[in-house]
N, C-alpha and C. Protein backbone atom coordinates (compact mmCIF):
# COMPACT_ATOMS: atom_id res chain seq x y z
N UNK A 1 -26.17 -107.83 -19.77
CA UNK A 1 -27.44 -107.67 -20.46
C UNK A 1 -28.61 -108.02 -19.54
N UNK A 2 -28.44 -109.04 -18.71
CA UNK A 2 -29.51 -109.44 -17.79
C UNK A 2 -29.79 -108.33 -16.78
N UNK A 3 -28.73 -107.70 -16.27
CA UNK A 3 -28.90 -106.64 -15.28
C UNK A 3 -29.60 -105.44 -15.90
N UNK A 4 -29.22 -105.08 -17.10
CA UNK A 4 -29.84 -103.95 -17.80
C UNK A 4 -31.34 -104.23 -17.99
N UNK A 5 -31.67 -105.45 -18.41
CA UNK A 5 -33.07 -105.84 -18.59
C UNK A 5 -33.82 -105.82 -17.25
N UNK A 6 -33.18 -106.32 -16.20
CA UNK A 6 -33.80 -106.34 -14.88
C UNK A 6 -34.15 -104.92 -14.43
N UNK A 7 -33.24 -103.98 -14.61
CA UNK A 7 -33.51 -102.59 -14.21
C UNK A 7 -34.62 -101.98 -15.06
N UNK A 8 -34.63 -102.27 -16.35
CA UNK A 8 -35.68 -101.76 -17.22
C UNK A 8 -37.04 -102.31 -16.78
N UNK A 9 -37.08 -103.63 -16.51
CA UNK A 9 -38.33 -104.26 -16.09
C UNK A 9 -38.79 -103.73 -14.72
N UNK A 10 -37.85 -103.50 -13.83
CA UNK A 10 -38.18 -102.92 -12.53
C UNK A 10 -38.85 -101.56 -12.71
N UNK A 11 -38.32 -100.76 -13.61
CA UNK A 11 -38.92 -99.46 -13.90
C UNK A 11 -40.32 -99.59 -14.46
N UNK A 12 -40.51 -100.54 -15.37
CA UNK A 12 -41.84 -100.76 -15.94
C UNK A 12 -42.84 -101.19 -14.87
N UNK A 13 -42.43 -102.14 -14.03
CA UNK A 13 -43.34 -102.65 -12.99
C UNK A 13 -43.68 -101.59 -11.95
N UNK A 14 -42.67 -100.83 -11.53
CA UNK A 14 -42.95 -99.76 -10.56
C UNK A 14 -43.81 -98.66 -11.19
N UNK A 15 -43.58 -98.37 -12.46
CA UNK A 15 -44.40 -97.39 -13.15
C UNK A 15 -45.85 -97.82 -13.23
N UNK A 16 -46.08 -99.07 -13.56
CA UNK A 16 -47.45 -99.59 -13.64
C UNK A 16 -48.10 -99.58 -12.26
N UNK A 17 -47.36 -100.02 -11.24
CA UNK A 17 -47.90 -100.03 -9.88
C UNK A 17 -48.25 -98.61 -9.43
N UNK A 18 -47.45 -97.63 -9.84
CA UNK A 18 -47.72 -96.26 -9.41
C UNK A 18 -48.97 -95.70 -10.09
N UNK A 19 -49.39 -96.29 -11.19
CA UNK A 19 -50.60 -95.85 -11.87
C UNK A 19 -51.84 -96.62 -11.43
N UNK A 20 -51.68 -97.88 -11.00
CA UNK A 20 -52.85 -98.74 -10.79
C UNK A 20 -53.04 -99.24 -9.36
N UNK A 21 -52.03 -99.15 -8.51
CA UNK A 21 -52.11 -99.71 -7.17
C UNK A 21 -52.25 -98.61 -6.12
N UNK A 22 -53.45 -98.46 -5.54
CA UNK A 22 -53.67 -97.38 -4.56
C UNK A 22 -52.74 -97.47 -3.34
N UNK A 23 -52.43 -98.68 -2.89
CA UNK A 23 -51.53 -98.82 -1.73
C UNK A 23 -50.13 -98.31 -2.07
N UNK A 24 -49.67 -98.63 -3.26
CA UNK A 24 -48.35 -98.16 -3.69
C UNK A 24 -48.36 -96.65 -3.86
N UNK A 25 -49.42 -96.10 -4.44
CA UNK A 25 -49.55 -94.66 -4.60
C UNK A 25 -49.52 -93.96 -3.24
N UNK A 26 -50.17 -94.56 -2.26
CA UNK A 26 -50.21 -93.97 -0.92
C UNK A 26 -48.80 -93.95 -0.33
N UNK A 27 -48.02 -95.00 -0.54
CA UNK A 27 -46.65 -95.03 -0.02
C UNK A 27 -45.79 -93.97 -0.69
N UNK A 28 -46.05 -93.70 -1.95
CA UNK A 28 -45.28 -92.66 -2.64
C UNK A 28 -45.62 -91.29 -2.10
N UNK A 29 -46.88 -91.11 -1.69
CA UNK A 29 -47.31 -89.85 -1.09
C UNK A 29 -46.95 -88.67 -1.96
N UNK A 30 -46.43 -87.63 -1.32
CA UNK A 30 -46.04 -86.43 -2.06
C UNK A 30 -44.52 -86.33 -2.18
N UNK A 31 -43.88 -87.49 -2.18
CA UNK A 31 -42.42 -87.51 -2.30
C UNK A 31 -42.00 -87.07 -3.69
N UNK A 32 -40.88 -86.42 -3.75
CA UNK A 32 -40.29 -86.03 -5.01
C UNK A 32 -38.79 -86.27 -4.93
N UNK A 33 -38.31 -87.31 -5.59
CA UNK A 33 -36.89 -87.62 -5.54
C UNK A 33 -36.48 -88.43 -6.75
N UNK A 34 -35.19 -88.49 -6.95
CA UNK A 34 -34.62 -89.32 -8.01
C UNK A 34 -33.57 -90.22 -7.38
N UNK A 35 -33.60 -91.50 -7.74
CA UNK A 35 -32.58 -92.43 -7.25
C UNK A 35 -32.10 -93.27 -8.43
N UNK A 36 -30.96 -93.89 -8.25
CA UNK A 36 -30.42 -94.68 -9.35
C UNK A 36 -29.79 -95.97 -8.88
N UNK A 37 -29.77 -96.93 -9.77
CA UNK A 37 -29.08 -98.20 -9.61
C UNK A 37 -28.08 -98.28 -10.75
N UNK A 38 -26.85 -98.67 -10.44
CA UNK A 38 -25.82 -98.63 -11.48
C UNK A 38 -24.67 -99.57 -11.14
N UNK A 39 -23.80 -99.77 -12.12
CA UNK A 39 -22.57 -100.51 -11.88
C UNK A 39 -21.47 -99.48 -11.62
N UNK A 40 -20.50 -99.87 -10.81
CA UNK A 40 -19.42 -98.94 -10.47
C UNK A 40 -18.53 -98.62 -11.66
N UNK A 41 -18.50 -99.51 -12.65
CA UNK A 41 -17.69 -99.23 -13.84
C UNK A 41 -18.40 -98.28 -14.82
N UNK A 42 -19.64 -97.93 -14.51
CA UNK A 42 -20.38 -96.97 -15.33
C UNK A 42 -21.00 -97.53 -16.60
N UNK A 43 -20.93 -98.83 -16.80
CA UNK A 43 -21.47 -99.42 -18.02
C UNK A 43 -22.99 -99.52 -18.01
N UNK A 44 -23.58 -99.71 -16.84
CA UNK A 44 -25.03 -99.84 -16.74
C UNK A 44 -25.52 -98.88 -15.66
N UNK A 45 -26.53 -98.09 -16.01
CA UNK A 45 -27.13 -97.18 -15.04
C UNK A 45 -28.57 -96.92 -15.45
N UNK A 46 -29.43 -96.84 -14.48
CA UNK A 46 -30.83 -96.48 -14.71
C UNK A 46 -31.28 -95.66 -13.52
N UNK A 47 -31.98 -94.58 -13.79
CA UNK A 47 -32.48 -93.77 -12.68
C UNK A 47 -34.01 -93.75 -12.70
N UNK A 48 -34.55 -93.57 -11.51
CA UNK A 48 -35.98 -93.64 -11.28
C UNK A 48 -36.42 -92.32 -10.67
N UNK A 49 -37.48 -91.76 -11.22
CA UNK A 49 -37.97 -90.45 -10.78
C UNK A 49 -39.32 -90.64 -10.10
N UNK A 50 -39.40 -90.22 -8.84
CA UNK A 50 -40.64 -90.29 -8.08
C UNK A 50 -41.19 -88.87 -8.01
N UNK A 51 -42.39 -88.67 -8.57
CA UNK A 51 -42.98 -87.33 -8.60
C UNK A 51 -44.49 -87.47 -8.79
N UNK A 52 -45.26 -86.75 -8.00
CA UNK A 52 -46.72 -86.73 -8.11
C UNK A 52 -47.33 -88.13 -8.06
N UNK A 53 -46.89 -88.93 -7.11
CA UNK A 53 -47.37 -90.31 -6.91
C UNK A 53 -47.16 -91.20 -8.13
N UNK A 54 -46.16 -90.91 -8.93
CA UNK A 54 -45.83 -91.72 -10.10
C UNK A 54 -44.34 -92.00 -10.10
N UNK A 55 -43.97 -93.10 -10.72
CA UNK A 55 -42.56 -93.43 -10.91
C UNK A 55 -42.31 -93.60 -12.40
N UNK A 56 -41.30 -92.94 -12.88
CA UNK A 56 -40.83 -93.13 -14.24
C UNK A 56 -39.36 -93.49 -14.17
N UNK A 57 -38.85 -94.13 -15.20
CA UNK A 57 -37.44 -94.48 -15.20
C UNK A 57 -36.84 -94.12 -16.55
N UNK A 58 -35.55 -93.85 -16.51
CA UNK A 58 -34.81 -93.51 -17.72
C UNK A 58 -33.45 -94.18 -17.65
N UNK A 59 -32.92 -94.52 -18.80
CA UNK A 59 -31.60 -95.13 -18.82
C UNK A 59 -30.54 -94.06 -18.58
N UNK A 60 -29.41 -94.51 -18.10
CA UNK A 60 -28.31 -93.60 -17.85
C UNK A 60 -28.31 -93.09 -16.42
N UNK A 61 -27.23 -92.44 -16.03
CA UNK A 61 -27.13 -91.93 -14.65
C UNK A 61 -27.95 -90.66 -14.48
N UNK A 62 -28.37 -90.42 -13.25
CA UNK A 62 -29.11 -89.20 -12.91
C UNK A 62 -28.12 -88.07 -12.65
N UNK A 63 -28.56 -86.85 -12.87
CA UNK A 63 -27.70 -85.70 -12.64
C UNK A 63 -27.41 -85.52 -11.15
N UNK A 64 -28.46 -85.48 -10.34
CA UNK A 64 -28.30 -85.33 -8.89
C UNK A 64 -29.26 -86.27 -8.17
N UNK A 65 -28.90 -87.55 -8.04
CA UNK A 65 -29.81 -88.48 -7.36
C UNK A 65 -29.82 -88.24 -5.85
N UNK A 66 -30.96 -88.50 -5.24
CA UNK A 66 -31.06 -88.41 -3.78
C UNK A 66 -30.24 -89.52 -3.14
N UNK A 67 -30.22 -90.69 -3.76
CA UNK A 67 -29.36 -91.78 -3.34
C UNK A 67 -29.08 -92.68 -4.54
N UNK A 68 -28.07 -93.49 -4.39
CA UNK A 68 -27.62 -94.33 -5.48
C UNK A 68 -27.13 -95.66 -4.92
N UNK A 69 -27.48 -96.74 -5.58
CA UNK A 69 -26.96 -98.06 -5.22
C UNK A 69 -26.05 -98.52 -6.34
N UNK A 70 -24.79 -98.76 -6.00
CA UNK A 70 -23.82 -99.19 -7.00
C UNK A 70 -23.39 -100.63 -6.77
N UNK A 71 -23.27 -101.37 -7.83
CA UNK A 71 -22.82 -102.76 -7.79
C UNK A 71 -21.49 -102.84 -8.53
N UNK A 72 -20.61 -103.74 -8.08
CA UNK A 72 -19.27 -103.78 -8.68
C UNK A 72 -19.29 -104.09 -10.17
N UNK A 73 -20.24 -104.88 -10.62
CA UNK A 73 -20.42 -105.12 -12.05
C UNK A 73 -21.85 -105.63 -12.28
N UNK A 74 -22.21 -105.78 -13.55
CA UNK A 74 -23.59 -106.17 -13.89
C UNK A 74 -23.93 -107.57 -13.38
N UNK A 75 -22.99 -108.50 -13.45
CA UNK A 75 -23.26 -109.86 -13.00
C UNK A 75 -23.54 -109.88 -11.50
N UNK A 76 -22.77 -109.11 -10.73
CA UNK A 76 -22.96 -109.05 -9.28
C UNK A 76 -24.29 -108.36 -8.95
N UNK A 77 -24.62 -107.31 -9.69
CA UNK A 77 -25.90 -106.62 -9.47
C UNK A 77 -27.07 -107.54 -9.74
N UNK A 78 -27.00 -108.28 -10.83
CA UNK A 78 -28.08 -109.21 -11.17
C UNK A 78 -28.20 -110.30 -10.10
N UNK A 79 -27.07 -110.86 -9.69
CA UNK A 79 -27.09 -111.92 -8.68
C UNK A 79 -27.65 -111.40 -7.36
N UNK A 80 -27.30 -110.21 -6.98
CA UNK A 80 -27.78 -109.64 -5.71
C UNK A 80 -29.27 -109.37 -5.77
N UNK A 81 -29.73 -108.79 -6.86
CA UNK A 81 -31.14 -108.41 -6.94
C UNK A 81 -32.07 -109.59 -7.20
N UNK A 82 -31.52 -110.71 -7.65
CA UNK A 82 -32.36 -111.89 -7.87
C UNK A 82 -32.11 -112.99 -6.85
N UNK A 83 -31.32 -112.72 -5.82
CA UNK A 83 -31.02 -113.71 -4.79
C UNK A 83 -32.29 -114.09 -4.04
N UNK A 84 -32.35 -115.33 -3.60
CA UNK A 84 -33.52 -115.78 -2.84
C UNK A 84 -33.64 -115.03 -1.53
N UNK A 85 -32.52 -114.82 -0.85
CA UNK A 85 -32.51 -114.06 0.39
C UNK A 85 -31.89 -112.70 0.10
N UNK A 86 -32.72 -111.79 -0.40
CA UNK A 86 -32.24 -110.48 -0.83
C UNK A 86 -31.61 -109.68 0.30
N UNK A 87 -32.20 -109.76 1.48
CA UNK A 87 -31.67 -109.01 2.62
C UNK A 87 -30.25 -109.46 2.94
N UNK A 88 -30.03 -110.75 2.97
CA UNK A 88 -28.70 -111.29 3.24
C UNK A 88 -27.73 -110.89 2.12
N UNK A 89 -28.16 -110.97 0.88
CA UNK A 89 -27.30 -110.62 -0.25
C UNK A 89 -26.88 -109.15 -0.18
N UNK A 90 -27.81 -108.26 0.14
CA UNK A 90 -27.46 -106.85 0.26
C UNK A 90 -26.54 -106.60 1.44
N UNK A 91 -26.79 -107.25 2.55
CA UNK A 91 -25.95 -107.07 3.73
C UNK A 91 -24.53 -107.57 3.46
N UNK A 92 -24.39 -108.69 2.78
CA UNK A 92 -23.07 -109.20 2.43
C UNK A 92 -22.35 -108.24 1.49
N UNK A 93 -23.11 -107.67 0.56
CA UNK A 93 -22.52 -106.70 -0.36
C UNK A 93 -22.03 -105.46 0.36
N UNK A 94 -22.79 -105.01 1.33
CA UNK A 94 -22.40 -103.83 2.11
C UNK A 94 -21.15 -104.13 2.92
N UNK A 95 -21.09 -105.31 3.53
CA UNK A 95 -19.93 -105.68 4.31
C UNK A 95 -18.69 -105.84 3.44
N UNK A 96 -18.87 -106.32 2.21
CA UNK A 96 -17.74 -106.50 1.29
C UNK A 96 -17.37 -105.19 0.58
N UNK A 97 -18.15 -104.16 0.81
CA UNK A 97 -17.96 -102.84 0.20
C UNK A 97 -18.12 -102.92 -1.30
């Protein structure tokens, strides 16, 4: 439940930033892509759509994401995304497959 809420909140915050933050809008540029964060067991998935300098998010998996980040389960995804040293947590996750 925490991981699902975290992904929902991430979508809300990125959506707001894409509407109100000129620096964030500039980074988005004219990109058009869809990416997703999900658990490997398929229980939790959220995809994010980048289009026209805006980000929107929807629950569930994307049909054809440009890239996808999968976590072994919701608890591991939450722990990784809320770790104090996020770079180290992601690198350890990649090494552990």
